[in-house]
C-alpha atoms as a PDB file:
ATOM      1  CA  UNK A   1      33.455  39.028  53.045  1.00  0.00           C
ATOM      2  CA  UNK A   2      30.657  38.354  50.544  1.00  0.00           C
ATOM      3  CA  UNK A   3      30.191  35.004  48.748  1.00  0.00           C
ATOM      4  CA  UNK A   4      31.456  31.520  49.604  1.00  0.00           C
ATOM      5  CA  UNK A   5      34.822  30.938  51.226  1.00  0.00           C
ATOM      6  CA  UNK A   6      37.647  29.230  49.361  1.00  0.00           C
ATOM      7  CA  UNK A   7      36.703  25.734  50.557  1.00  0.00           C
ATOM      8  CA  UNK A   8      33.035  26.299  49.781  1.00  0.00           C
ATOM      9  CA  UNK A   9      33.947  27.464  46.266  1.00  0.00           C
ATOM     10  CA  UNK A  10      36.020  24.333  45.652  1.00  0.00           C
ATOM     11  CA  UNK A  11      33.209  22.103  46.940  1.00  0.00           C
ATOM     12  CA  UNK A  12      30.712  23.962  44.768  1.00  0.00           C
ATOM     13  CA  UNK A  13      33.032  23.596  41.751  1.00  0.00           C
ATOM     14  CA  UNK A  14      33.465  19.833  42.292  1.00  0.00           C
ATOM     15  CA  UNK A  15      29.730  19.381  42.762  1.00  0.00           C
ATOM     16  CA  UNK A  16      29.155  21.126  39.426  1.00  0.00           C
ATOM     17  CA  UNK A  17      31.883  19.036  37.726  1.00  0.00           C
ATOM     18  CA  UNK A  18      30.423  15.802  39.124  1.00  0.00           C
ATOM     19  CA  UNK A  19      26.935  16.720  37.885  1.00  0.00           C
ATOM     20  CA  UNK A  20      28.318  17.599  34.454  1.00  0.00           C
ATOM     21  CA  UNK A  21      30.182  14.278  34.240  1.00  0.00           C
ATOM     22  CA  UNK A  22      26.996  12.436  35.211  1.00  0.00           C
ATOM     23  CA  UNK A  23      25.055  14.330  32.560  1.00  0.00           C
ATOM     24  CA  UNK A  24      27.658  13.480  29.913  1.00  0.00           C
ATOM     25  CA  UNK A  25      27.579   9.794  30.863  1.00  0.00           C
ATOM     26  CA  UNK A  26      23.784   9.821  30.655  1.00  0.00           C
ATOM     27  CA  UNK A  27      23.958  11.543  27.265  1.00  0.00           C
ATOM     28  CA  UNK A  28      26.405   8.911  25.943  1.00  0.00           C
ATOM     29  CA  UNK A  29      24.169   6.116  27.217  1.00  0.00           C
ATOM     30  CA  UNK A  30      21.160   7.769  25.566  1.00  0.00           C
ATOM     31  CA  UNK A  31      22.993   8.040  22.255  1.00  0.00           C
ATOM     32  CA  UNK A  32      23.955   4.344  22.431  1.00  0.00           C
ATOM     33  CA  UNK A  33      20.351   3.413  23.169  1.00  0.00           C
ATOM     34  CA  UNK A  34      19.058   5.540  20.303  1.00  0.00           C
ATOM     35  CA  UNK A  35      21.521   3.890  17.920  1.00  0.00           C
ATOM     36  CA  UNK A  36      20.489   0.424  19.119  1.00  0.00           C
ATOM     37  CA  UNK A  37      16.833   1.212  18.567  1.00  0.00           C
ATOM     38  CA  UNK A  38      17.113   3.306  15.414  1.00  0.00           C
ATOM     39  CA  UNK A  39      18.944   0.820  13.196  1.00  0.00           C
ATOM     40  CA  UNK A  40      16.443  -2.032  13.725  1.00  0.00           C
ATOM     41  CA  UNK A  41      13.539   0.407  13.377  1.00  0.00           C
ATOM     42  CA  UNK A  42      14.827   1.576   9.997  1.00  0.00           C
ATOM     43  CA  UNK A  43      15.316  -2.008   8.825  1.00  0.00           C
ATOM     44  CA  UNK A  44      11.809  -2.992   9.919  1.00  0.00           C
ATOM     45  CA  UNK A  45      10.294   0.016   8.170  1.00  0.00           C
ATOM     46  CA  UNK A  46      11.948  -1.006   4.894  1.00  0.00           C
ATOM     47  CA  UNK A  47      10.922  -4.641   5.242  1.00  0.00           C
ATOM     48  CA  UNK A  48       7.283  -3.908   6.018  1.00  0.00           C
ATOM     49  CA  UNK A  49       6.791  -0.810   3.890  1.00  0.00           C
ATOM     50  CA  UNK A  50       4.112  -1.245   1.261  1.00  0.00           C
ATOM     51  CA  UNK A  51       5.204  -1.889  -2.294  1.00  0.00           C
ATOM     52  CA  UNK A  52       5.079   1.144  -4.536  1.00  0.00           C
ATOM     53  CA  UNK A  53       3.562   0.748  -7.955  1.00  0.00           C
ATOM     54  CA  UNK A  54       4.236   3.367 -10.563  1.00  0.00           C
ATOM     55  CA  UNK A  55       1.428   3.760 -13.061  1.00  0.00           C
ATOM     56  CA  UNK A  56       3.775   5.600 -15.400  1.00  0.00           C
ATOM     57  CA  UNK A  57       5.629   2.337 -16.009  1.00  0.00           C
ATOM     58  CA  UNK A  58       2.427   0.997 -17.560  1.00  0.00           C
ATOM     59  CA  UNK A  59       2.621  -2.315 -15.712  1.00  0.00           C
ATOM     60  CA  UNK A  60       0.441  -3.406 -12.841  1.00  0.00           C
ATOM     61  CA  UNK A  61       2.164  -4.919  -9.785  1.00  0.00           C
ATOM     62  CA  UNK A  62       0.739  -8.394 -10.441  1.00  0.00           C
ATOM     63  CA  UNK A  63       2.380 -10.036  -7.423  1.00  0.00           C
ATOM     64  CA  UNK A  64       0.220  -7.997  -5.068  1.00  0.00           C
ATOM     65  CA  UNK A  65      -3.063  -9.206  -6.563  1.00  0.00           C
ATOM     66  CA  UNK A  66      -4.905 -12.486  -7.054  1.00  0.00           C
ATOM     67  CA  UNK A  67      -7.502 -13.037  -9.754  1.00  0.00           C
ATOM     68  CA  UNK A  68     -10.771 -14.428  -8.435  1.00  0.00           C
ATOM     69  CA  UNK A  69     -12.925 -17.005 -10.281  1.00  0.00           C
ATOM     70  CA  UNK A  70     -15.599 -14.365 -10.986  1.00  0.00           C
ATOM     71  CA  UNK A  71     -13.044 -12.168 -12.824  1.00  0.00           C
ATOM     72  CA  UNK A  72     -12.547  -9.651 -10.054  1.00  0.00           C
ATOM     73  CA  UNK A  73      -9.182  -9.118  -8.392  1.00  0.00           C
ATOM     74  CA  UNK A  74      -8.295  -9.355  -4.705  1.00  0.00           C
ATOM     75  CA  UNK A  75      -5.413  -7.519  -3.054  1.00  0.00           C
ATOM     76  CA  UNK A  76      -3.063 -10.236  -1.751  1.00  0.00           C
ATOM     77  CA  UNK A  77      -0.605  -8.011   0.111  1.00  0.00           C
ATOM     78  CA  UNK A  78      -0.553  -4.364   1.131  1.00  0.00           C
ATOM     79  CA  UNK A  79       0.411  -2.087  -1.716  1.00  0.00           C
ATOM     80  CA  UNK A  80       0.735   1.631  -2.308  1.00  0.00           C
ATOM     81  CA  UNK A  81      -0.372   2.842  -5.728  1.00  0.00           C
ATOM     82  CA  UNK A  82       1.080   6.164  -6.864  1.00  0.00           C
ATOM     83  CA  UNK A  83       0.161   8.068  -9.995  1.00  0.00           C
ATOM     84  CA  UNK A  84       1.198  11.662 -10.618  1.00  0.00           C
ATOM     85  CA  UNK A  85       0.333  13.453  -7.362  1.00  0.00           C
ATOM     86  CA  UNK A  86      -2.249  10.918  -6.175  1.00  0.00           C
ATOM     87  CA  UNK A  87      -1.601   7.860  -4.055  1.00  0.00           C
ATOM     88  CA  UNK A  88      -3.605   5.222  -2.233  1.00  0.00           C
ATOM     89  CA  UNK A  89      -2.854   2.229  -0.049  1.00  0.00           C
ATOM     90  CA  UNK A  90      -4.757  -0.987  -0.714  1.00  0.00           C
ATOM     91  CA  UNK A  91      -4.989  -3.530   2.081  1.00  0.00           C
ATOM     92  CA  UNK A  92      -5.188  -7.304   1.671  1.00  0.00           C
ATOM     93  CA  UNK A  93      -8.714  -8.490   0.991  1.00  0.00           C
ATOM     94  CA  UNK A  94      -9.767  -5.390  -0.962  1.00  0.00           C
ATOM     95  CA  UNK A  95     -11.767  -6.468  -4.029  1.00  0.00           C
ATOM     96  CA  UNK A  96     -11.029  -4.727  -7.347  1.00  0.00           C
ATOM     97  CA  UNK A  97     -14.092  -4.573  -9.580  1.00  0.00           C
ATOM     98  CA  UNK A  98     -14.458  -3.444 -13.223  1.00  0.00           C
ATOM     99  CA  UNK A  99     -13.983   0.305 -13.619  1.00  0.00           C
ATOM    100  CA  UNK A 100     -12.478   0.779 -10.147  1.00  0.00           C
ATOM    101  CA  UNK A 101     -10.266   3.859  -9.949  1.00  0.00           C
ATOM    102  CA  UNK A 102      -7.346   3.982  -7.498  1.00  0.00           C
ATOM    103  CA  UNK A 103      -5.155   7.093  -7.337  1.00  0.00           C
ATOM    104  CA  UNK A 104      -6.570   8.204 -10.664  1.00  0.00           C
ATOM    105  CA  UNK A 105      -5.832   4.905 -12.405  1.00  0.00           C
ATOM    106  CA  UNK A 106      -8.330   2.308 -13.612  1.00  0.00           C
ATOM    107  CA  UNK A 107      -6.673  -0.426 -11.586  1.00  0.00           C
ATOM    108  CA  UNK A 108      -8.998  -3.166 -12.849  1.00  0.00           C
ATOM    109  CA  UNK A 109      -8.116  -2.390 -16.465  1.00  0.00           C
ATOM    110  CA  UNK A 110      -4.400  -2.247 -15.669  1.00  0.00           C
ATOM    111  CA  UNK A 111      -4.573  -5.647 -13.962  1.00  0.00           C
ATOM    112  CA  UNK A 112      -6.525  -7.167 -16.829  1.00  0.00           C
ATOM    113  CA  UNK A 113      -3.931  -5.952 -19.355  1.00  0.00           C
ATOM    114  CA  UNK A 114      -0.776  -6.775 -17.400  1.00  0.00           C
ATOM    115  CA  UNK A 115      -1.557  -9.798 -15.257  1.00  0.00           C
ATOM    116  CA  UNK A 116      -2.726 -13.202 -16.452  1.00  0.00           C
END
Protein backbone atom coordinates (compact mmCIF):
# COMPACT_ATOMS: atom_id res chain seq x y z
CA UNK A 1 0.00 0.00 0.00
CA UNK A 2 1.28 3.47 -0.91
CA UNK A 3 0.89 6.53 1.37
CA UNK A 4 0.24 6.79 5.11
CA UNK A 5 -1.93 4.31 6.95
CA UNK A 6 -5.28 5.32 8.42
CA UNK A 7 -3.82 6.25 11.82
CA UNK A 8 -0.97 8.19 10.24
CA UNK A 9 -3.47 10.12 8.09
CA UNK A 10 -5.53 11.06 11.15
CA UNK A 11 -2.41 12.17 13.04
CA UNK A 12 -1.28 14.18 10.02
CA UNK A 13 -4.75 15.76 9.75
CA UNK A 14 -4.81 16.74 13.45
CA UNK A 15 -1.29 18.14 13.22
CA UNK A 16 -2.40 20.31 10.30
CA UNK A 17 -5.58 21.40 12.16
CA UNK A 18 -3.57 22.27 15.28
CA UNK A 19 -1.11 24.36 13.25
CA UNK A 20 -3.97 26.14 11.49
CA UNK A 21 -5.66 26.93 14.82
CA UNK A 22 -2.37 28.29 16.16
CA UNK A 23 -1.95 30.43 13.06
CA UNK A 24 -5.49 31.80 13.42
CA UNK A 25 -4.91 32.64 17.09
CA UNK A 26 -1.67 34.40 16.17
CA UNK A 27 -3.46 36.31 13.41
CA UNK A 28 -6.20 37.45 15.83
CA UNK A 29 -3.58 38.56 18.35
CA UNK A 30 -1.75 40.46 15.60
CA UNK A 31 -4.94 42.21 14.54
CA UNK A 32 -5.64 43.23 18.16
CA UNK A 33 -2.10 44.57 18.49
CA UNK A 34 -2.37 46.51 15.24
CA UNK A 35 -5.64 48.07 16.39
CA UNK A 36 -4.10 49.02 19.75
CA UNK A 37 -1.16 50.68 18.05
CA UNK A 38 -2.94 52.19 15.06
CA UNK A 39 -5.57 54.24 16.89
CA UNK A 40 -3.07 56.09 19.13
CA UNK A 41 -0.72 56.57 16.17
CA UNK A 42 -3.48 58.23 14.15
CA UNK A 43 -4.41 60.48 17.07
CA UNK A 44 -0.79 61.51 17.61
CA UNK A 45 -0.34 62.28 13.92
CA UNK A 46 -3.33 64.63 14.00
CA UNK A 47 -2.21 66.33 17.20
CA UNK A 48 1.35 66.94 16.03
CA UNK A 49 0.72 67.54 12.35
CA UNK A 50 1.83 70.96 11.20
CA UNK A 51 -0.81 73.62 10.72
CA UNK A 52 -1.81 74.17 7.12
CA UNK A 53 -2.10 77.72 5.90
CA UNK A 54 -3.98 78.41 2.72
CA UNK A 55 -2.70 81.43 0.85
CA UNK A 56 -5.91 81.53 -1.17
CA UNK A 57 -7.78 82.61 1.96
CA UNK A 58 -5.67 85.78 1.92
CA UNK A 59 -4.91 85.63 5.64
CA UNK A 60 -1.61 84.72 7.21
CA UNK A 61 -1.65 82.18 10.07
CA UNK A 62 -0.65 84.79 12.66
CA UNK A 63 -0.63 82.37 15.61
CA UNK A 64 2.36 80.54 14.16
CA UNK A 65 4.55 83.64 14.00
CA UNK A 66 5.99 86.21 16.40
CA UNK A 67 7.00 89.71 15.35
CA UNK A 68 10.52 90.63 16.39
CA UNK A 69 11.58 94.12 17.58
CA UNK A 70 13.56 94.69 14.36
CA UNK A 71 10.40 94.15 12.25
CA UNK A 72 11.24 90.65 11.09
CA UNK A 73 9.06 87.67 11.94
CA UNK A 74 10.04 84.44 13.69
CA UNK A 75 8.26 81.12 13.26
CA UNK A 76 6.86 80.23 16.70
CA UNK A 77 5.54 76.76 15.89
CA UNK A 78 5.92 74.37 12.98
CA UNK A 79 3.69 75.27 10.08
CA UNK A 80 3.06 74.03 6.57
CA UNK A 81 2.38 76.72 3.98
CA UNK A 82 0.51 75.61 0.87
CA UNK A 83 -0.20 77.69 -2.20
CA UNK A 84 -1.47 76.23 -5.46
CA UNK A 85 0.81 73.23 -6.08
CA UNK A 86 3.69 74.45 -3.90
CA UNK A 87 4.18 73.78 -0.22
CA UNK A 88 6.85 74.29 2.41
CA UNK A 89 7.28 73.50 6.08
CA UNK A 90 8.69 76.20 8.34
CA UNK A 91 10.26 75.14 11.61
CA UNK A 92 10.31 77.16 14.84
CA UNK A 93 13.10 79.70 14.91
CA UNK A 94 13.05 80.39 11.16
CA UNK A 95 13.37 84.15 10.58
CA UNK A 96 11.11 85.75 7.95
CA UNK A 97 12.74 88.78 6.33
CA UNK A 98 11.31 91.37 3.90
CA UNK A 99 10.64 89.89 0.46
CA UNK A 100 10.96 86.27 1.63
CA UNK A 101 9.06 83.87 -0.61
CA UNK A 102 7.66 80.62 0.80
CA UNK A 103 5.76 78.24 -1.49
CA UNK A 104 5.40 81.03 -4.01
CA UNK A 105 3.98 83.51 -1.51
CA UNK A 106 5.64 86.63 -0.13
CA UNK A 107 5.19 85.47 3.44
CA UNK A 108 6.68 88.63 4.96
CA UNK A 109 4.17 90.82 3.12
CA UNK A 110 1.28 88.54 4.08
CA UNK A 111 2.30 88.69 7.75
CA UNK A 112 2.68 92.46 7.65
CA UNK A 113 -0.82 92.86 6.19
CA UNK A 114 -2.65 90.31 8.33
CA UNK A 115 -0.90 90.21 11.68
CA UNK A 116 -0.38 93.11 14.07
